[in-house]
C-alpha atoms as a PDB file:
ATOM      1  CA  MET A   1     -56.675   2.432 -81.318  1.00  0.00           C
ATOM      2  CA  ASP A   2     -56.993   5.854 -83.086  1.00  0.00           C
ATOM      3  CA  THR A   3     -53.482   7.308 -82.724  1.00  0.00           C
ATOM      4  CA  THR A   4     -50.801   6.792 -85.064  1.00  0.00           C
ATOM      5  CA  ASP A   5     -48.728   5.092 -82.338  1.00  0.00           C
ATOM      6  CA  ASP A   6     -51.469   2.674 -81.645  1.00  0.00           C
ATOM      7  CA  THR A   7     -51.915   1.944 -85.521  1.00  0.00           C
ATOM      8  CA  SER A   8     -48.301   1.143 -85.691  1.00  0.00           C
ATOM      9  CA  GLU A   9     -48.666  -1.195 -82.831  1.00  0.00           C
ATOM     10  CA  PHE A  10     -51.105  -2.867 -84.615  1.00  0.00           C
ATOM     11  CA  ASP A  11     -48.851  -3.468 -87.772  1.00  0.00           C
ATOM     12  CA  ARG A  12     -45.947  -4.462 -85.430  1.00  0.00           C
ATOM     13  CA  GLN A  13     -47.944  -7.358 -83.840  1.00  0.00           C
ATOM     14  CA  VAL A  14     -49.217  -8.368 -87.388  1.00  0.00           C
ATOM     15  CA  ALA A  15     -45.621  -8.271 -88.644  1.00  0.00           C
ATOM     16  CA  GLU A  16     -44.246 -10.284 -85.747  1.00  0.00           C
ATOM     17  CA  LEU A  17     -46.756 -12.947 -86.280  1.00  0.00           C
ATOM     18  CA  TYR A  18     -46.290 -13.406 -89.923  1.00  0.00           C
ATOM     19  CA  ARG A  19     -42.484 -13.145 -89.261  1.00  0.00           C
ATOM     20  CA  ALA A  20     -42.912 -16.227 -86.732  1.00  0.00           C
ATOM     21  CA  ILE A  21     -44.997 -18.121 -89.095  1.00  0.00           C
ATOM     22  CA  GLY A  22     -42.478 -17.608 -91.794  1.00  0.00           C
ATOM     23  CA  GLU A  23     -39.243 -18.459 -89.531  1.00  0.00           C
ATOM     24  CA  PHE A  24     -41.248 -21.664 -88.168  1.00  0.00           C
ATOM     25  CA  ALA A  25     -42.083 -22.967 -91.881  1.00  0.00           C
ATOM     26  CA  VAL A  26     -37.996 -22.245 -92.955  1.00  0.00           C
ATOM     27  CA  GLN A  27     -37.043 -24.150 -89.925  1.00  0.00           C
ATOM     28  CA  PHE A  28     -39.298 -27.087 -90.667  1.00  0.00           C
ATOM     29  CA  GLU A  29     -37.651 -27.301 -93.982  1.00  0.00           C
ATOM     30  CA  HIS A  30     -34.288 -27.781 -92.224  1.00  0.00           C
ATOM     31  CA  VAL A  31     -35.836 -30.950 -90.520  1.00  0.00           C
ATOM     32  CA  THR A  32     -36.797 -32.283 -93.823  1.00  0.00           C
ATOM     33  CA  TRP A  33     -33.440 -31.590 -95.269  1.00  0.00           C
ATOM     34  CA  ALA A  34     -32.019 -33.446 -92.450  1.00  0.00           C
ATOM     35  CA  MET A  35     -34.059 -36.512 -92.957  1.00  0.00           C
ATOM     36  CA  GLN A  36     -33.151 -36.129 -96.917  1.00  0.00           C
ATOM     37  CA  LEU A  37     -29.828 -36.016 -96.037  1.00  0.00           C
ATOM     38  CA  GLY A  38     -30.102 -39.083 -93.654  1.00  0.00           C
ATOM     39  CA  VAL A  39     -31.736 -41.188 -96.228  1.00  0.00           C
ATOM     40  CA  ILE A  40     -29.218 -40.500 -98.898  1.00  0.00           C
ATOM     41  CA  SER A  41     -26.195 -40.835 -96.738  1.00  0.00           C
ATOM     42  CA  LEU A  42     -27.519 -44.259 -95.392  1.00  0.00           C
ATOM     43  CA  LEU A  43     -28.258 -45.739 -98.819  1.00  0.00           C
ATOM     44  CA  THR A  44     -24.792 -44.562-100.169  1.00  0.00           C
ATOM     45  CA  HIS A  45     -23.151 -45.780 -97.220  1.00  0.00           C
ATOM     46  CA  ALA A  46     -24.951 -49.125 -97.677  1.00  0.00           C
ATOM     47  CA  GLY A  47     -23.488 -49.216-101.069  1.00  0.00           C
ATOM     48  CA  LEU A  48     -25.499 -47.140-103.579  1.00  0.00           C
ATOM     49  CA  ARG A  49     -22.900 -46.112-105.948  1.00  0.00           C
ATOM     50  CA  ASN A  50     -24.991 -43.505-107.618  1.00  0.00           C
ATOM     51  CA  GLN A  51     -26.032 -40.764-105.167  1.00  0.00           C
ATOM     52  CA  ALA A  52     -28.350 -39.069-107.677  1.00  0.00           C
ATOM     53  CA  MET A  53     -30.480 -42.155-107.496  1.00  0.00           C
ATOM     54  CA  ALA A  54     -30.962 -41.722-103.689  1.00  0.00           C
ATOM     55  CA  GLN A  55     -31.697 -38.191-104.400  1.00  0.00           C
ATOM     56  CA  VAL A  56     -34.576 -39.349-106.954  1.00  0.00           C
ATOM     57  CA  VAL A  57     -35.788 -41.563-104.272  1.00  0.00           C
ATOM     58  CA  VAL A  58     -36.384 -38.631-101.594  1.00  0.00           C
ATOM     59  CA  ALA A  59     -37.434 -36.302-104.325  1.00  0.00           C
ATOM     60  CA  ASP A  60     -40.880 -34.663-103.797  1.00  0.00           C
ATOM     61  CA  LEU A  61     -41.530 -36.871-100.464  1.00  0.00           C
ATOM     62  CA  THR A  62     -43.403 -35.107 -97.859  1.00  0.00           C
ATOM     63  CA  ALA A  63     -42.523 -35.273 -94.412  1.00  0.00           C
ATOM     64  CA  ALA A  64     -44.231 -38.070 -92.999  1.00  0.00           C
ATOM     65  CA  PRO A  65     -43.264 -40.518 -95.639  1.00  0.00           C
ATOM     66  CA  LEU A  66     -39.533 -39.224 -95.489  1.00  0.00           C
ATOM     67  CA  ALA A  67     -39.620 -39.915 -91.671  1.00  0.00           C
ATOM     68  CA  SER A  68     -40.840 -43.433 -91.986  1.00  0.00           C
ATOM     69  CA  MET A  69     -38.270 -44.178 -94.644  1.00  0.00           C
ATOM     70  CA  TYR A  70     -35.504 -42.791 -92.607  1.00  0.00           C
ATOM     71  CA  GLN A  71     -36.574 -44.719 -89.565  1.00  0.00           C
ATOM     72  CA  SER A  72     -36.795 -47.805 -91.492  1.00  0.00           C
ATOM     73  CA  LEU A  73     -33.451 -47.349 -92.858  1.00  0.00           C
ATOM     74  CA  VAL A  74     -31.717 -46.523 -89.631  1.00  0.00           C
ATOM     75  CA  ALA A  75     -33.303 -49.905 -88.450  1.00  0.00           C
ATOM     76  CA  GLU A  76     -31.509 -51.763 -91.089  1.00  0.00           C
ATOM     77  CA  ALA A  77     -28.131 -49.906 -91.077  1.00  0.00           C
ATOM     78  CA  ARG A  78     -26.935 -52.031 -88.219  1.00  0.00           C
ATOM     79  CA  SER A  79     -28.052 -53.861 -85.363  1.00  0.00           C
ATOM     80  CA  LEU A  80     -28.929 -51.456 -82.612  1.00  0.00           C
ATOM     81  CA  SER A  81     -28.672 -52.009 -78.851  1.00  0.00           C
ATOM     82  CA  ASP A  82     -32.125 -51.636 -76.808  1.00  0.00           C
ATOM     83  CA  ASP A  83     -30.911 -48.359 -75.468  1.00  0.00           C
ATOM     84  CA  GLU A  84     -30.229 -47.230 -79.196  1.00  0.00           C
ATOM     85  CA  ARG A  85     -33.546 -48.580 -80.375  1.00  0.00           C
ATOM     86  CA  ARG A  86     -35.148 -46.540 -77.627  1.00  0.00           C
ATOM     87  CA  ILE A  87     -33.307 -43.347 -78.582  1.00  0.00           C
ATOM     88  CA  CYS A  88     -34.191 -43.683 -82.247  1.00  0.00           C
ATOM     89  CA  ASP A  89     -37.877 -44.327 -81.355  1.00  0.00           C
ATOM     90  CA  ALA A  90     -37.824 -41.341 -79.012  1.00  0.00           C
ATOM     91  CA  ILE A  91     -36.271 -39.027 -81.889  1.00  0.00           C
ATOM     92  CA  PHE A  92     -38.721 -40.029 -84.271  1.00  0.00           C
ATOM     93  CA  LYS A  93     -41.688 -39.853 -82.139  1.00  0.00           C
ATOM     94  CA  ARG A  94     -40.396 -36.357 -81.493  1.00  0.00           C
ATOM     95  CA  THR A  95     -40.124 -35.882 -85.488  1.00  0.00           C
ATOM     96  CA  LYS A  96     -43.613 -37.043 -85.931  1.00  0.00           C
ATOM     97  CA  ALA A  97     -45.127 -34.782 -83.435  1.00  0.00           C
ATOM     98  CA  LEU A  98     -43.289 -31.937 -85.059  1.00  0.00           C
ATOM     99  CA  ILE A  99     -45.005 -32.878 -88.656  1.00  0.00           C
ATOM    100  CA  GLU A 100     -48.165 -32.726 -87.015  1.00  0.00           C
ATOM    101  CA  THR A 101     -47.360 -29.434 -85.476  1.00  0.00           C
ATOM    102  CA  ARG A 102     -46.071 -28.164 -89.046  1.00  0.00           C
ATOM    103  CA  ASN A 103     -49.235 -29.460 -90.851  1.00  0.00           C
ATOM    104  CA  ASP A 104     -51.574 -27.769 -88.132  1.00  0.00           C
ATOM    105  CA  VAL A 105     -49.757 -24.438 -88.870  1.00  0.00           C
ATOM    106  CA  ILE A 106     -49.307 -24.405 -92.563  1.00  0.00           C
ATOM    107  CA  HIS A 107     -52.705 -26.145 -93.624  1.00  0.00           C
ATOM    108  CA  SER A 108     -54.633 -23.909 -91.330  1.00  0.00           C
ATOM    109  CA  THR A 109     -56.154 -20.502 -91.992  1.00  0.00           C
ATOM    110  CA  TRP A 110     -54.798 -17.973 -89.768  1.00  0.00           C
ATOM    111  CA  PHE A 111     -56.861 -14.897 -89.291  1.00  0.00           C
ATOM    112  CA  VAL A 112     -53.782 -12.489 -88.612  1.00  0.00           C
ATOM    113  CA  GLY A 113     -54.604  -9.024 -88.179  1.00  0.00           C
ATOM    114  CA  TRP A 114     -58.361  -9.766 -88.462  1.00  0.00           C
ATOM    115  CA  ALA A 115     -59.478  -7.156 -86.027  1.00  0.00           C
ATOM    116  CA  SER A 116     -60.536  -3.566 -85.959  1.00  0.00           C
ATOM    117  CA  SER A 117     -57.804  -1.027 -85.767  1.00  0.00           C
ATOM    118  CA  LYS A 118     -59.501  -0.281 -82.636  1.00  0.00           C
ATOM    119  CA  ALA A 119     -58.407  -3.460 -81.026  1.00  0.00           C
ATOM    120  CA  ASP A 120     -56.198  -3.324 -78.103  1.00  0.00           C
ATOM    121  CA  ASP A 121     -54.180  -6.502 -78.907  1.00  0.00           C
ATOM    122  CA  VAL A 122     -53.989  -8.489 -81.809  1.00  0.00           C
ATOM    123  CA  SER A 123     -50.770 -10.414 -80.814  1.00  0.00           C
ATOM    124  CA  ARG A 124     -52.989 -13.611 -80.487  1.00  0.00           C
ATOM    125  CA  VAL A 125     -54.179 -15.354 -83.722  1.00  0.00           C
ATOM    126  CA  ASP A 126     -56.777 -17.716 -84.136  1.00  0.00           C
ATOM    127  CA  GLY A 127     -56.814 -20.470 -86.831  1.00  0.00           C
ATOM    128  CA  GLN A 128     -59.063 -23.017 -88.291  1.00  0.00           C
ATOM    129  CA  LYS A 129     -57.990 -26.403 -89.924  1.00  0.00           C
ATOM    130  CA  GLN A 130     -60.660 -28.306 -91.755  1.00  0.00           C
ATOM    131  CA  THR A 131     -60.496 -32.019 -90.650  1.00  0.00           C
ATOM    132  CA  ARG A 132     -62.425 -35.385 -91.267  1.00  0.00           C
ATOM    133  CA  GLY A 133     -62.777 -38.542 -89.666  1.00  0.00           C
ATOM    134  CA  LYS A 134     -65.154 -41.243 -89.015  1.00  0.00           C
ATOM    135  CA  ARG A 135     -67.952 -39.047 -87.628  1.00  0.00           C
ATOM    136  CA  GLY A 136     -67.560 -36.551 -90.705  1.00  0.00           C
ATOM    137  CA  SER A 137     -66.000 -33.410 -90.953  1.00  0.00           C
ATOM    138  CA  ASP A 138     -64.983 -30.957 -88.281  1.00  0.00           C
ATOM    139  CA  ILE A 139     -63.144 -27.821 -87.603  1.00  0.00           C
ATOM    140  CA  LYS A 140     -59.926 -27.866 -85.458  1.00  0.00           C
ATOM    141  CA  GLN A 141     -59.714 -24.343 -83.649  1.00  0.00           C
ATOM    142  CA  LEU A 142     -56.094 -23.307 -83.022  1.00  0.00           C
ATOM    143  CA  VAL A 143     -54.965 -20.331 -81.128  1.00  0.00           C
ATOM    144  CA  ASN A 144     -51.242 -19.204 -80.999  1.00  0.00           C
ATOM    145  CA  ASP A 145     -49.076 -16.095 -80.733  1.00  0.00           C
ATOM    146  CA  ALA A 146     -45.570 -15.157 -82.133  1.00  0.00           C
ATOM    147  CA  ASP A 147     -43.719 -16.729 -79.145  1.00  0.00           C
ATOM    148  CA  GLY A 148     -45.609 -19.925 -79.684  1.00  0.00           C
ATOM    149  CA  PHE A 149     -44.748 -20.097 -83.402  1.00  0.00           C
ATOM    150  CA  LYS A 150     -40.907 -18.998 -82.414  1.00  0.00           C
ATOM    151  CA  ARG A 151     -40.975 -22.265 -79.722  1.00  0.00           C
ATOM    152  CA  HIS A 152     -41.975 -24.306 -82.849  1.00  0.00           C
ATOM    153  CA  ALA A 153     -39.009 -23.045 -84.725  1.00  0.00           C
ATOM    154  CA  GLN A 154     -36.723 -23.758 -81.905  1.00  0.00           C
ATOM    155  CA  GLU A 155     -38.172 -27.158 -81.794  1.00  0.00           C
ATOM    156  CA  CYS A 156     -37.429 -27.567 -85.570  1.00  0.00           C
ATOM    157  CA  ASP A 157     -33.922 -26.633 -85.183  1.00  0.00           C
ATOM    158  CA  TYR A 158     -33.319 -28.986 -81.994  1.00  0.00           C
ATOM    159  CA  VAL A 159     -34.801 -31.956 -84.110  1.00  0.00           C
ATOM    160  CA  ALA A 160     -33.003 -31.303 -87.016  1.00  0.00           C
ATOM    161  CA  GLY A 161     -29.713 -31.276 -84.797  1.00  0.00           C
ATOM    162  CA  LEU A 162     -30.907 -34.750 -83.433  1.00  0.00           C
ATOM    163  CA  LEU A 163     -31.462 -36.052 -86.994  1.00  0.00           C
ATOM    164  CA  ARG A 164     -28.222 -34.824 -88.336  1.00  0.00           C
ATOM    165  CA  ARG A 165     -26.296 -36.279 -85.554  1.00  0.00           C
ATOM    166  CA  LEU A 166     -27.940 -39.595 -85.824  1.00  0.00           C
ATOM    167  CA  PHE A 167     -26.941 -40.413 -89.199  1.00  0.00           C
ATOM    168  CA  GLY A 168     -23.426 -39.097 -88.682  1.00  0.00           C
ATOM    169  CA  LEU A 169     -23.104 -41.489 -85.496  1.00  0.00           C
ATOM    170  CA  LEU A 170     -24.347 -44.409 -87.642  1.00  0.00           C
ATOM    171  CA  LEU A 171     -22.054 -43.925 -90.708  1.00  0.00           C
ATOM    172  CA  GLY A 172     -19.290 -43.646 -88.170  1.00  0.00           C
ATOM    173  CA  GLY A 173     -20.048 -46.648 -86.242  1.00  0.00           C
ATOM    174  CA  ARG A 174     -20.670 -44.765 -83.012  1.00  0.00           C
ATOM    175  CA  ASP A 175     -22.919 -45.798 -80.050  1.00  0.00           C
ATOM    176  CA  LEU A 176     -25.717 -43.704 -80.108  1.00  0.00           C
ATOM    177  CA  ALA A 177     -26.416 -44.055 -76.626  1.00  0.00           C
ATOM    178  CA  LEU A 178     -23.135 -42.468 -75.731  1.00  0.00           C
ATOM    179  CA  HIS A 179     -23.460 -39.686 -77.914  1.00  0.00           C
ATOM    180  CA  ILE A 180     -27.312 -38.890 -77.803  1.00  0.00           C
ATOM    181  CA  PRO A 181     -28.316 -39.675 -74.121  1.00  0.00           C
ATOM    182  CA  PHE A 182     -32.001 -40.456 -74.010  1.00  0.00           C
ATOM    183  CA  ASP A 183     -32.904 -37.561 -71.553  1.00  0.00           C
ATOM    184  CA  ARG A 184     -31.142 -35.382 -74.282  1.00  0.00           C
ATOM    185  CA  VAL A 185     -33.851 -36.557 -76.744  1.00  0.00           C
ATOM    186  CA  THR A 186     -36.866 -36.238 -74.422  1.00  0.00           C
ATOM    187  CA  ARG A 187     -35.800 -32.618 -73.046  1.00  0.00           C
ATOM    188  CA  PRO A 188     -37.460 -29.471 -74.446  1.00  0.00           C
ATOM    189  CA  ALA A 189     -35.745 -27.707 -77.147  1.00  0.00           C
END
């Protein structure tokens, strides 16, 4: 990759990776925002008169505790049918998987552009995440590309829509199974 055109291809691939990672990070915050809105709306609908108090409850919560709180409030919001419960479980299972993906992406060290300018292709990127468990420390090895990060961003957009729809239907007293069919929850974004 000694020519100017080759160097610009290197720069283009690096920029595309950074852009895709950034897009995913921003889209994930829409998921968090949808869960915050869900918690605040359900608390307010249940009788909390001071919405600022609900905002205090969700302030500074990370995604996993926020998802847990939202799921618990959904279960308390009204008596759910078996189909509705199955739909809610699927929505939150998908949400929790997305949270794991987000944690892997955001808390990993990505070696974007760590190649010689003579490299033919830097469109794929390696990442490492330090982990620990019962057996001690480990390093989780990750590989992705811009399209993979963009798919994660699309998943965020889809899940955020499901989470917003969920609290809207609950507040409106609507049948979840009628308005969020199970196959729609489980299909790819």
